C-alpha atoms as a PDB file:
ATOM      1  CA  MET A   1      73.020 120.656  99.133  1.00  0.00           C
ATOM      2  CA  SER A   2      71.861 116.997  99.612  1.00  0.00           C
ATOM      3  CA  LYS A   3      72.388 115.217 103.219  1.00  0.00           C
ATOM      4  CA  ILE A   4      75.318 113.203 102.146  1.00  0.00           C
ATOM      5  CA  THR A   5      77.455 116.171 100.426  1.00  0.00           C
ATOM      6  CA  LYS A   6      76.918 118.228 103.632  1.00  0.00           C
ATOM      7  CA  GLU A   7      78.124 115.296 105.850  1.00  0.00           C
ATOM      8  CA  LEU A   8      81.301 114.997 103.256  1.00  0.00           C
ATOM      9  CA  ALA A   9      81.854 118.523 103.517  1.00  0.00           C
ATOM     10  CA  GLU A  10      81.841 118.858 107.138  1.00  0.00           C
ATOM     11  CA  LEU A  11      84.102 115.501 107.158  1.00  0.00           C
ATOM     12  CA  ALA A  12      86.646 117.444 104.973  1.00  0.00           C
ATOM     13  CA  GLN A  13      86.300 120.288 107.403  1.00  0.00           C
ATOM     14  CA  MET A  14      87.215 118.348 110.145  1.00  0.00           C
ATOM     15  CA  LEU A  15      89.986 116.445 108.502  1.00  0.00           C
ATOM     16  CA  ILE A  16      91.696 119.878 107.578  1.00  0.00           C
ATOM     17  CA  ASN A  17      91.055 120.825 111.291  1.00  0.00           C
ATOM     18  CA  MET A  18      92.832 117.981 112.536  1.00  0.00           C
ATOM     19  CA  GLN A  19      95.675 118.738 110.107  1.00  0.00           C
ATOM     20  CA  ILE A  20      95.894 122.156 111.292  1.00  0.00           C
ATOM     21  CA  ASP A  21      95.741 121.469 114.790  1.00  0.00           C
ATOM     22  CA  LEU A  22      98.540 118.644 114.744  1.00  0.00           C
ATOM     23  CA  GLY A  23     100.840 121.053 112.768  1.00  0.00           C
ATOM     24  CA  LEU A  24     100.111 118.851 109.290  1.00  0.00           C
ATOM     25  CA  LYS A  25      99.039 121.520 107.085  1.00  0.00           C
ATOM     26  CA  ASP A  26     102.008 121.848 105.086  1.00  0.00           C
ATOM     27  CA  LEU A  27     101.560 118.070 103.756  1.00  0.00           C
ATOM     28  CA  ASN A  28     100.467 117.609 100.196  1.00  0.00           C
ATOM     29  CA  PRO A  29      97.459 115.155  99.640  1.00  0.00           C
ATOM     30  CA  THR A  30      99.918 112.203  99.001  1.00  0.00           C
ATOM     31  CA  GLU A  31     101.907 112.598 102.225  1.00  0.00           C
ATOM     32  CA  ALA A  32      98.439 113.092 104.015  1.00  0.00           C
ATOM     33  CA  HIS A  33      97.341 109.893 102.810  1.00  0.00           C
ATOM     34  CA  VAL A  34     100.251 107.903 103.657  1.00  0.00           C
ATOM     35  CA  LEU A  35     100.489 109.338 106.844  1.00  0.00           C
ATOM     36  CA  LEU A  36      96.749 108.455 107.692  1.00  0.00           C
ATOM     37  CA  MET A  37      97.299 104.963 106.418  1.00  0.00           C
ATOM     38  CA  ILE A  38     100.441 104.029 108.299  1.00  0.00           C
ATOM     39  CA  VAL A  39      98.871 105.237 111.327  1.00  0.00           C
ATOM     40  CA  ARG A  40      95.961 103.228 110.673  1.00  0.00           C
ATOM     41  CA  GLU A  41      97.939 100.401 110.046  1.00  0.00           C
ATOM     42  CA  HIS A  42      99.785 101.061 113.303  1.00  0.00           C
ATOM     43  CA  GLU A  43      96.675 101.385 115.456  1.00  0.00           C
ATOM     44  CA  LEU A  44      95.196  98.134 113.892  1.00  0.00           C
ATOM     45  CA  ARG A  45      98.194  96.112 114.062  1.00  0.00           C
ATOM     46  CA  GLY A  46     100.773  97.520 116.343  1.00  0.00           C
ATOM     47  CA  ARG A  47     103.382  98.178 113.717  1.00  0.00           C
ATOM     48  CA  CYS A  48     103.521  99.165 110.282  1.00  0.00           C
ATOM     49  CA  SER A  49     106.869  98.210 108.097  1.00  0.00           C
ATOM     50  CA  MET A  50     108.015 100.095 105.017  1.00  0.00           C
ATOM     51  CA  LEU A  51     106.458  97.244 102.777  1.00  0.00           C
ATOM     52  CA  LYS A  52     103.282  97.292 104.538  1.00  0.00           C
ATOM     53  CA  ALA A  53     102.786 100.944 104.107  1.00  0.00           C
ATOM     54  CA  VAL A  54     103.086 100.877 100.399  1.00  0.00           C
ATOM     55  CA  GLU A  55     100.685  97.977 100.682  1.00  0.00           C
ATOM     56  CA  VAL A  56      98.098 100.086 102.659  1.00  0.00           C
ATOM     57  CA  SER A  57      98.625 103.211 101.005  1.00  0.00           C
ATOM     58  CA  LYS A  58      98.082 101.612  97.359  1.00  0.00           C
ATOM     59  CA  LYS A  59     100.575 103.940  96.048  1.00  0.00           C
ATOM     60  CA  SER A  60     103.995 103.306  94.105  1.00  0.00           C
ATOM     61  CA  ARG A  61     106.912 102.316  96.165  1.00  0.00           C
ATOM     62  CA  SER A  62     108.502 105.459  95.328  1.00  0.00           C
ATOM     63  CA  THR A  63     105.925 107.829  96.156  1.00  0.00           C
ATOM     64  CA  VAL A  64     105.181 106.070  99.592  1.00  0.00           C
ATOM     65  CA  TYR A  65     109.157 106.072 100.185  1.00  0.00           C
ATOM     66  CA  LYS A  66     109.346 109.705  99.101  1.00  0.00           C
ATOM     67  CA  ALA A  67     106.338 110.495 101.256  1.00  0.00           C
ATOM     68  CA  ILE A  68     107.899 108.715 104.412  1.00  0.00           C
ATOM     69  CA  ARG A  69     111.186 110.663 103.981  1.00  0.00           C
ATOM     70  CA  LYS A  70     109.564 113.896 104.007  1.00  0.00           C
ATOM     71  CA  LEU A  71     107.696 112.877 107.255  1.00  0.00           C
ATOM     72  CA  VAL A  72     110.793 111.748 108.901  1.00  0.00           C
ATOM     73  CA  LYS A  73     112.582 114.747 107.787  1.00  0.00           C
ATOM     74  CA  ALA A  74     109.366 116.904 109.442  1.00  0.00           C
ATOM     75  CA  ARG A  75     110.077 114.608 112.536  1.00  0.00           C
ATOM     76  CA  ILE A  76     106.127 113.474 112.207  1.00  0.00           C
ATOM     77  CA  MET A  77     107.551 109.633 111.825  1.00  0.00           C
ATOM     78  CA  SER A  78     110.644 107.904 112.467  1.00  0.00           C
ATOM     79  CA  ILE A  79     112.417 104.578 111.097  1.00  0.00           C
ATOM     80  CA  GLN A  80     113.851 101.747 113.097  1.00  0.00           C
ATOM     81  CA  ASN A  81     114.969  98.417 112.423  1.00  0.00           C
ATOM     82  CA  SER A  82     112.626  95.520 113.198  1.00  0.00           C
ATOM     83  CA  LYS A  83     113.684  93.471 116.216  1.00  0.00           C
ATOM     84  CA  THR A  84     112.182  90.181 114.605  1.00  0.00           C
ATOM     85  CA  ASP A  85     113.022  90.759 110.957  1.00  0.00           C
ATOM     86  CA  LYS A  86     116.724  92.462 110.611  1.00  0.00           C
ATOM     87  CA  ARG A  87     115.713  92.862 106.808  1.00  0.00           C
ATOM     88  CA  SER A  88     112.740  95.069 107.548  1.00  0.00           C
ATOM     89  CA  PHE A  89     112.162  98.555 108.785  1.00  0.00           C
ATOM     90  CA  LEU A  90     109.296  99.723 110.775  1.00  0.00           C
ATOM     91  CA  VAL A  91     107.519 103.342 110.488  1.00  0.00           C
ATOM     92  CA  ILE A  92     106.688 104.835 113.866  1.00  0.00           C
ATOM     93  CA  PRO A  93     104.430 107.570 114.125  1.00  0.00           C
ATOM     94  CA  ASN A  94     105.711 110.675 116.476  1.00  0.00           C
ATOM     95  CA  ILE A  95     102.310 112.299 116.479  1.00  0.00           C
END
């Protein structure tokens, strides 16, 4: 095993352990990716709209919306109306 593959394996195991520790082990890979991208965007910019979630996830709108619905149902995220743009909805991580 090369140094790079060993580090990748360790990184993958760290992510798996984090998902278990946070109670996210039941998420499929797409839902986990959407969650991570939303959390990243929220940390970088202080907010993440539904449309921005589609953009940063690089997945189809229907796939991202479906993942967000499941995350909201699991109370991992919530959706709020934007105070600055009434046409926009913000996705708020609850973890």
